[in-house]
Amino acid sequence: MKILKHSLISLTAAALCILILVPHTGRAQVVNESTKKRISIGVGAFTDFWLKTPDGMKTRTINQGINVFGTYNLPLGKSNFSFAIGLSISIHNLYWNYRFQADSLNFQFVKIEDDLGYNRSKLTLPYVEIPIEFRLKTKSKFSMGVGFKVGYMVYAHAKWVGDDYLFNSNNTLKASFKDIKNLEKFAYGPTLRFGYRWFHVTGYYSLSSIFQKGTKVDMYPISVGFVLMPF
């Protein structure tokens, strides 16, 4: 189900990117060869390294996430440089030793008790983003890009699979919590990408915390991964 959900999100994002970025003429969509070369679509995966975590908080080594994007490239004269702007969706996941606690007024997560068993506890943070990038593409098919992106958080939720701490039953509790307060809605930071042909290594450094200042939790991710850009 997770793979299907992520695939649907990716396909939806790709469709949105194409509909928004590709020009229309009259009733029919007309895309000439020049326009096709200016459109880039990519799908990638990454892991988050969480920085400035509070004492006692442990995060998993691999915090996998996905990213899908579409951009429209504007050549800078006849040079090998171009400027790109587009639309993307990124889904960040934080696997940690904390659980959701609804009655907390400030920080709605507490450290998992030692006598509470669990298989998974995570916080999922999806963002709709506007990325911009300055690109260099050589005749040898090597390319790199330096950019910046701003994202708005949508449908953030926490998941728990483990002992039933809500109803104190002997059954395994599988729960999703959507009403999470004190999350910072906007995320932004610089990006870096370099690669050969359709395979690229990517990096993102968040300049914003995922929690609001009142929580006194100032953690943020550095993302490292790869992206496939067949178009």
C-alpha atoms as a PDB file:
ATOM      1  CA  MET A   1       0.000   0.000   0.000  1.00  0.00           C
ATOM      2  CA  LYS A   2       2.833   2.402   0.757  1.00  0.00           C
ATOM      3  CA  ILE A   3       4.446   1.850  -2.630  1.00  0.00           C
ATOM      4  CA  LEU A   4       1.086   2.277  -4.376  1.00  0.00           C
ATOM      5  CA  LYS A   5       0.369   5.468  -2.467  1.00  0.00           C
ATOM      6  CA  HIS A   6       3.763   6.939  -3.263  1.00  0.00           C
ATOM      7  CA  SER A   7       3.414   5.932  -6.915  1.00  0.00           C
ATOM      8  CA  LEU A   8       0.051   7.646  -7.178  1.00  0.00           C
ATOM      9  CA  ILE A   9       1.473  10.786  -5.640  1.00  0.00           C
ATOM     10  CA  SER A  10       4.395  10.710  -8.055  1.00  0.00           C
ATOM     11  CA  LEU A  11       2.183  10.212 -11.098  1.00  0.00           C
ATOM     12  CA  THR A  12      -0.159  12.974  -9.982  1.00  0.00           C
ATOM     13  CA  ALA A  13       2.739  15.370  -9.476  1.00  0.00           C
ATOM     14  CA  ALA A  14       4.203  14.544 -12.874  1.00  0.00           C
ATOM     15  CA  ALA A  15       0.842  15.131 -14.523  1.00  0.00           C
ATOM     16  CA  LEU A  16       0.436  18.465 -12.738  1.00  0.00           C
ATOM     17  CA  CYS A  17       3.892  19.547 -13.796  1.00  0.00           C
ATOM     18  CA  ILE A  18       3.194  18.732 -17.426  1.00  0.00           C
ATOM     19  CA  LEU A  19      -0.196  20.439 -17.440  1.00  0.00           C
ATOM     20  CA  ILE A  20       1.175  23.581 -15.843  1.00  0.00           C
ATOM     21  CA  LEU A  21       4.470  23.887 -17.637  1.00  0.00           C
ATOM     22  CA  VAL A  22       3.676  22.784 -21.184  1.00  0.00           C
ATOM     23  CA  PRO A  23       2.243  25.549 -23.382  1.00  0.00           C
ATOM     24  CA  HIS A  24      -1.182  25.181 -25.013  1.00  0.00           C
ATOM     25  CA  THR A  25      -2.205  26.452 -28.442  1.00  0.00           C
ATOM     26  CA  GLY A  26      -5.908  26.670 -29.321  1.00  0.00           C
ATOM     27  CA  ARG A  27      -7.855  23.598 -28.291  1.00  0.00           C
ATOM     28  CA  ALA A  28      -5.037  21.122 -28.770  1.00  0.00           C
ATOM     29  CA  GLN A  29      -1.746  20.870 -26.955  1.00  0.00           C
ATOM     30  CA  VAL A  30       1.122  21.529 -29.315  1.00  0.00           C
ATOM     31  CA  VAL A  31       4.629  20.656 -28.202  1.00  0.00           C
ATOM     32  CA  ASN A  32       7.394  21.202 -30.719  1.00  0.00           C
ATOM     33  CA  GLU A  33      10.890  19.797 -30.473  1.00  0.00           C
ATOM     34  CA  SER A  34      12.278  23.016 -29.001  1.00  0.00           C
ATOM     35  CA  THR A  35       9.696  22.979 -26.206  1.00  0.00           C
ATOM     36  CA  LYS A  36      10.341  19.314 -25.427  1.00  0.00           C
ATOM     37  CA  LYS A  37      14.015  20.036 -24.868  1.00  0.00           C
ATOM     38  CA  ARG A  38      13.105  22.682 -22.320  1.00  0.00           C
ATOM     39  CA  ILE A  39      11.022  20.364 -20.126  1.00  0.00           C
ATOM     40  CA  SER A  40      12.706  18.226 -17.474  1.00  0.00           C
ATOM     41  CA  ILE A  41      10.913  15.564 -15.432  1.00  0.00           C
ATOM     42  CA  GLY A  42      12.607  13.644 -12.662  1.00  0.00           C
ATOM     43  CA  VAL A  43      11.840  11.066  -9.977  1.00  0.00           C
ATOM     44  CA  GLY A  44      14.212  10.435  -7.122  1.00  0.00           C
ATOM     45  CA  ALA A  45      14.798   9.027  -3.661  1.00  0.00           C
ATOM     46  CA  PHE A  46      16.804  10.378  -0.740  1.00  0.00           C
ATOM     47  CA  THR A  47      17.539   9.921   2.925  1.00  0.00           C
ATOM     48  CA  ASP A  48      17.371  12.578   5.608  1.00  0.00           C
ATOM     49  CA  PHE A  49      20.079  13.187   8.191  1.00  0.00           C
ATOM     50  CA  TRP A  50      18.456  15.033  11.077  1.00  0.00           C
ATOM     51  CA  LEU A  51      20.495  17.710  12.807  1.00  0.00           C
ATOM     52  CA  LYS A  52      20.138  19.409  16.202  1.00  0.00           C
ATOM     53  CA  THR A  53      17.999  16.653  17.671  1.00  0.00           C
ATOM     54  CA  PRO A  54      17.281  17.049  21.405  1.00  0.00           C
ATOM     55  CA  ASP A  55      19.131  14.950  23.984  1.00  0.00           C
ATOM     56  CA  GLY A  56      17.666  11.456  24.173  1.00  0.00           C
ATOM     57  CA  MET A  57      16.083  11.586  20.723  1.00  0.00           C
ATOM     58  CA  LYS A  58      17.278   8.865  18.361  1.00  0.00           C
ATOM     59  CA  THR A  59      16.570   8.774  14.661  1.00  0.00           C
ATOM     60  CA  ARG A  60      17.016   5.913  12.239  1.00  0.00           C
ATOM     61  CA  THR A  61      20.144   5.843  10.081  1.00  0.00           C
ATOM     62  CA  ILE A  62      18.079   5.691   6.890  1.00  0.00           C
ATOM     63  CA  ASN A  63      15.042   7.990   6.732  1.00  0.00           C
ATOM     64  CA  GLN A  64      13.934   7.392   3.171  1.00  0.00           C
ATOM     65  CA  GLY A  65      11.931   9.893   1.172  1.00  0.00           C
ATOM     66  CA  ILE A  66      10.846  10.486  -2.422  1.00  0.00           C
ATOM     67  CA  ASN A  67      10.792  13.447  -4.776  1.00  0.00           C
ATOM     68  CA  VAL A  68       9.168  14.051  -8.149  1.00  0.00           C
ATOM     69  CA  PHE A  69       9.436  17.253 -10.153  1.00  0.00           C
ATOM     70  CA  GLY A  70       8.927  18.971 -13.457  1.00  0.00           C
ATOM     71  CA  THR A  71      10.770  22.096 -14.575  1.00  0.00           C
ATOM     72  CA  TYR A  72      10.823  24.417 -17.559  1.00  0.00           C
ATOM     73  CA  ASN A  73      14.316  25.390 -18.690  1.00  0.00           C
ATOM     74  CA  LEU A  74      15.215  28.797 -20.085  1.00  0.00           C
ATOM     75  CA  PRO A  75      18.559  28.851 -21.972  1.00  0.00           C
ATOM     76  CA  LEU A  76      20.855  31.767 -21.197  1.00  0.00           C
ATOM     77  CA  GLY A  77      21.793  32.875 -24.686  1.00  0.00           C
ATOM     78  CA  LYS A  78      23.818  30.346 -26.655  1.00  0.00           C
ATOM     79  CA  SER A  79      25.834  29.221 -23.649  1.00  0.00           C
ATOM     80  CA  ASN A  80      25.714  25.877 -21.832  1.00  0.00           C
ATOM     81  CA  PHE A  81      23.935  27.555 -18.938  1.00  0.00           C
ATOM     82  CA  SER A  82      20.211  27.745 -18.292  1.00  0.00           C
ATOM     83  CA  PHE A  83      17.709  28.778 -15.637  1.00  0.00           C
ATOM     84  CA  ALA A  84      14.906  26.429 -14.578  1.00  0.00           C
ATOM     85  CA  ILE A  85      11.739  26.842 -12.541  1.00  0.00           C
ATOM     86  CA  GLY A  86       9.024  24.327 -11.832  1.00  0.00           C
ATOM     87  CA  LEU A  87       6.892  22.365  -9.434  1.00  0.00           C
ATOM     88  CA  SER A  88       7.822  19.428  -7.208  1.00  0.00           C
ATOM     89  CA  ILE A  89       6.557  17.216  -4.418  1.00  0.00           C
ATOM     90  CA  SER A  90       8.872  15.884  -1.709  1.00  0.00           C
ATOM     91  CA  ILE A  91       7.945  13.463   1.076  1.00  0.00           C
ATOM     92  CA  HIS A  92      10.256  13.419   4.104  1.00  0.00           C
ATOM     93  CA  ASN A  93      10.076  10.741   6.783  1.00  0.00           C
ATOM     94  CA  LEU A  94      11.420  10.903  10.321  1.00  0.00           C
ATOM     95  CA  TYR A  95      11.773   7.517  12.033  1.00  0.00           C
ATOM     96  CA  TRP A  96      12.429   8.096  15.723  1.00  0.00           C
ATOM     97  CA  ASN A  97      11.979   6.976  19.310  1.00  0.00           C
ATOM     98  CA  TYR A  98       9.142   9.429  19.968  1.00  0.00           C
ATOM     99  CA  ARG A  99       5.370   8.965  19.762  1.00  0.00           C
ATOM    100  CA  PHE A 100       2.402  11.259  19.253  1.00  0.00           C
ATOM    101  CA  GLN A 101       0.803  12.662  22.400  1.00  0.00           C
ATOM    102  CA  ALA A 102      -2.371  14.595  21.579  1.00  0.00           C
ATOM    103  CA  ASP A 103      -2.873  16.265  24.975  1.00  0.00           C
ATOM    104  CA  SER A 104       0.509  17.976  24.905  1.00  0.00           C
ATOM    105  CA  LEU A 105       0.019  21.717  24.497  1.00  0.00           C
ATOM    106  CA  ASN A 106       3.496  22.574  23.251  1.00  0.00           C
ATOM    107  CA  PHE A 107       5.432  19.742  21.645  1.00  0.00           C
ATOM    108  CA  GLN A 108       2.957  16.969  20.731  1.00  0.00           C
ATOM    109  CA  PHE A 109       5.479  14.148  20.937  1.00  0.00           C
ATOM    110  CA  VAL A 110       6.957  12.317  23.899  1.00  0.00           C
ATOM    111  CA  LYS A 111       9.816   9.859  24.199  1.00  0.00           C
ATOM    112  CA  ILE A 112       8.624   6.263  23.928  1.00  0.00           C
ATOM    113  CA  GLU A 113       8.552   4.606  27.333  1.00  0.00           C
ATOM    114  CA  ASP A 114      11.003   1.769  27.949  1.00  0.00           C
ATOM    115  CA  ASP A 115       8.190  -0.713  28.656  1.00  0.00           C
ATOM    116  CA  LEU A 116       6.297   0.187  25.459  1.00  0.00           C
ATOM    117  CA  GLY A 117       7.109  -2.071  22.519  1.00  0.00           C
ATOM    118  CA  TYR A 118       6.829  -0.830  18.968  1.00  0.00           C
ATOM    119  CA  ASN A 119       7.740  -1.743  15.397  1.00  0.00           C
ATOM    120  CA  ARG A 120       7.560   1.692  13.841  1.00  0.00           C
ATOM    121  CA  SER A 121       7.038   5.284  14.869  1.00  0.00           C
ATOM    122  CA  LYS A 122       7.445   7.952  12.243  1.00  0.00           C
ATOM    123  CA  LEU A 123       6.500  11.466  11.233  1.00  0.00           C
ATOM    124  CA  THR A 124       5.733  12.036   7.537  1.00  0.00           C
ATOM    125  CA  LEU A 125       6.161  15.515   6.072  1.00  0.00           C
ATOM    126  CA  PRO A 126       4.971  16.040   2.468  1.00  0.00           C
ATOM    127  CA  TYR A 127       5.710  19.355   0.730  1.00  0.00           C
ATOM    128  CA  VAL A 128       4.515  21.001  -2.459  1.00  0.00           C
ATOM    129  CA  GLU A 129       7.518  22.982  -3.676  1.00  0.00           C
ATOM    130  CA  ILE A 130       8.655  25.584  -6.154  1.00  0.00           C
ATOM    131  CA  PRO A 131      12.270  24.860  -7.137  1.00  0.00           C
ATOM    132  CA  ILE A 132      14.557  27.147  -9.118  1.00  0.00           C
ATOM    133  CA  GLU A 133      17.937  26.155 -10.468  1.00  0.00           C
ATOM    134  CA  PHE A 134      20.873  27.473 -12.478  1.00  0.00           C
ATOM    135  CA  ARG A 135      22.134  24.666 -14.694  1.00  0.00           C
ATOM    136  CA  LEU A 136      25.214  23.761 -16.644  1.00  0.00           C
ATOM    137  CA  LYS A 137      25.087  21.023 -19.277  1.00  0.00           C
ATOM    138  CA  THR A 138      28.175  20.158 -21.294  1.00  0.00           C
ATOM    139  CA  LYS A 139      28.438  18.515 -24.703  1.00  0.00           C
ATOM    140  CA  SER A 140      29.721  15.380 -22.967  1.00  0.00           C
ATOM    141  CA  LYS A 141      26.306  15.047 -21.202  1.00  0.00           C
ATOM    142  CA  PHE A 142      27.664  16.001 -17.773  1.00  0.00           C
ATOM    143  CA  SER A 143      25.391  18.418 -15.959  1.00  0.00           C
ATOM    144  CA  MET A 144      25.087  20.156 -12.633  1.00  0.00           C
ATOM    145  CA  GLY A 145      22.689  22.546 -10.994  1.00  0.00           C
ATOM    146  CA  VAL A 146      22.715  24.932  -8.061  1.00  0.00           C
ATOM    147  CA  GLY A 147      19.373  26.129  -6.834  1.00  0.00           C
ATOM    148  CA  PHE A 148      16.907  26.908  -4.099  1.00  0.00           C
ATOM    149  CA  LYS A 149      13.427  25.674  -3.276  1.00  0.00           C
ATOM    150  CA  VAL A 150      10.515  26.747  -1.111  1.00  0.00           C
ATOM    151  CA  GLY A 151       7.923  24.233   0.036  1.00  0.00           C
ATOM    152  CA  TYR A 152       4.545  24.274   1.763  1.00  0.00           C
ATOM    153  CA  MET A 153       3.662  21.348   4.025  1.00  0.00           C
ATOM    154  CA  VAL A 154       0.496  19.397   3.204  1.00  0.00           C
ATOM    155  CA  TYR A 155      -1.088  16.399   4.962  1.00  0.00           C
ATOM    156  CA  ALA A 156       1.559  15.906   7.625  1.00  0.00           C
ATOM    157  CA  HIS A 157       0.863  12.888   9.827  1.00  0.00           C
ATOM    158  CA  ALA A 158       2.405  10.582  12.393  1.00  0.00           C
ATOM    159  CA  LYS A 159       2.179   6.792  12.302  1.00  0.00           C
ATOM    160  CA  TRP A 160       2.493   4.226  15.041  1.00  0.00           C
ATOM    161  CA  VAL A 161       2.719   0.437  14.927  1.00  0.00           C
ATOM    162  CA  GLY A 162       3.234  -1.134  18.338  1.00  0.00           C
ATOM    163  CA  ASP A 163       1.710  -1.674  21.753  1.00  0.00           C
ATOM    164  CA  ASP A 164      -1.703  -0.154  22.300  1.00  0.00           C
ATOM    165  CA  TYR A 165      -1.031   2.857  24.489  1.00  0.00           C
ATOM    166  CA  LEU A 166      -4.367   4.470  23.584  1.00  0.00           C
ATOM    167  CA  PHE A 167      -6.820   1.801  24.769  1.00  0.00           C
ATOM    168  CA  ASN A 168      -4.444  -0.438  26.770  1.00  0.00           C
ATOM    169  CA  SER A 169      -5.547  -3.560  24.906  1.00  0.00           C
ATOM    170  CA  ASN A 170      -3.404  -6.579  24.112  1.00  0.00           C
ATOM    171  CA  ASN A 171      -3.725  -5.943  20.380  1.00  0.00           C
ATOM    172  CA  THR A 172      -1.161  -4.270  18.150  1.00  0.00           C
ATOM    173  CA  LEU A 173      -2.101  -0.648  17.589  1.00  0.00           C
ATOM    174  CA  LYS A 174      -1.829   0.666  14.039  1.00  0.00           C
ATOM    175  CA  ALA A 175      -2.723   4.327  14.083  1.00  0.00           C
ATOM    176  CA  SER A 176      -2.278   7.481  12.027  1.00  0.00           C
ATOM    177  CA  PHE A 177      -2.498  10.930  13.619  1.00  0.00           C
ATOM    178  CA  LYS A 178      -3.263  13.900  11.365  1.00  0.00           C
ATOM    179  CA  ASP A 179      -4.063  16.809  13.693  1.00  0.00           C
ATOM    180  CA  ILE A 180      -0.479  17.760  14.502  1.00  0.00           C
ATOM    181  CA  LYS A 181       0.070  21.265  15.814  1.00  0.00           C
ATOM    182  CA  ASN A 182       3.180  23.435  15.968  1.00  0.00           C
ATOM    183  CA  LEU A 183       4.672  22.214  12.697  1.00  0.00           C
ATOM    184  CA  GLU A 184       6.389  24.832  10.571  1.00  0.00           C
ATOM    185  CA  LYS A 185       4.380  25.008   7.347  1.00  0.00           C
ATOM    186  CA  PHE A 186       7.126  26.420   5.144  1.00  0.00           C
ATOM    187  CA  ALA A 187      10.462  24.808   4.360  1.00  0.00           C
ATOM    188  CA  TYR A 188      13.244  26.288   2.262  1.00  0.00           C
ATOM    189  CA  GLY A 189      16.898  25.857   1.483  1.00  0.00           C
ATOM    190  CA  PRO A 190      19.599  25.500  -1.189  1.00  0.00           C
ATOM    191  CA  THR A 191      19.889  22.503  -3.487  1.00  0.00           C
ATOM    192  CA  LEU A 192      22.752  20.891  -5.392  1.00  0.00           C
ATOM    193  CA  ARG A 193      22.664  18.368  -8.221  1.00  0.00           C
ATOM    194  CA  PHE A 194      25.277  16.842 -10.518  1.00  0.00           C
ATOM    195  CA  GLY A 195      25.337  13.820 -12.779  1.00  0.00           C
ATOM    196  CA  TYR A 196      25.856  12.213 -16.144  1.00  0.00           C
ATOM    197  CA  ARG A 197      23.073  11.777 -18.696  1.00  0.00           C
ATOM    198  CA  TRP A 198      19.936  10.733 -16.774  1.00  0.00           C
ATOM    199  CA  PHE A 199      21.455   9.786 -13.385  1.00  0.00           C
ATOM    200  CA  HIS A 200      22.156  12.537 -10.862  1.00  0.00           C
ATOM    201  CA  VAL A 201      23.230  12.839  -7.229  1.00  0.00           C
ATOM    202  CA  THR A 202      21.255  15.399  -5.232  1.00  0.00           C
ATOM    203  CA  GLY A 203      21.562  17.338  -2.009  1.00  0.00           C
ATOM    204  CA  TYR A 204      19.306  19.671  -0.021  1.00  0.00           C
ATOM    205  CA  TYR A 205      20.105  21.677   3.109  1.00  0.00           C
ATOM    206  CA  SER A 206      17.041  22.889   4.992  1.00  0.00           C
ATOM    207  CA  LEU A 207      17.372  26.361   6.463  1.00  0.00           C
ATOM    208  CA  SER A 208      14.127  25.984   8.400  1.00  0.00           C
ATOM    209  CA  SER A 209      13.173  23.834  11.366  1.00  0.00           C
ATOM    210  CA  ILE A 210      10.270  21.417  11.033  1.00  0.00           C
ATOM    211  CA  PHE A 211       8.796  22.642  14.337  1.00  0.00           C
ATOM    212  CA  GLN A 212       7.759  26.147  15.294  1.00  0.00           C
ATOM    213  CA  LYS A 213       9.932  28.183  17.624  1.00  0.00           C
ATOM    214  CA  GLY A 214       7.598  27.778  20.614  1.00  0.00           C
ATOM    215  CA  THR A 215       8.351  24.056  20.782  1.00  0.00           C
ATOM    216  CA  LYS A 216      12.052  24.718  21.494  1.00  0.00           C
ATOM    217  CA  VAL A 217      12.890  21.846  19.128  1.00  0.00           C
ATOM    218  CA  ASP A 218      15.053  23.256  16.328  1.00  0.00           C
ATOM    219  CA  MET A 219      15.784  20.128  14.288  1.00  0.00           C
ATOM    220  CA  TYR A 220      16.075  20.141  10.503  1.00  0.00           C
ATOM    221  CA  PRO A 221      17.182  17.746   7.746  1.00  0.00           C
ATOM    222  CA  ILE A 222      20.026  17.470   5.279  1.00  0.00           C
ATOM    223  CA  SER A 223      18.874  15.316   2.363  1.00  0.00           C
ATOM    224  CA  VAL A 224      21.201  13.273   0.155  1.00  0.00           C
ATOM    225  CA  GLY A 225      19.985  11.063  -2.661  1.00  0.00           C
ATOM    226  CA  PHE A 226      19.678  10.507  -6.366  1.00  0.00           C
ATOM    227  CA  VAL A 227      17.280  11.401  -9.149  1.00  0.00           C
ATOM    228  CA  LEU A 228      16.530   9.885 -12.547  1.00  0.00           C
ATOM    229  CA  MET A 229      15.917  12.468 -15.273  1.00  0.00           C
ATOM    230  CA  PRO A 230      15.018  10.599 -18.488  1.00  0.00           C
ATOM    231  CA  PHE A 231      13.477  13.767 -19.939  1.00  0.00           C
END
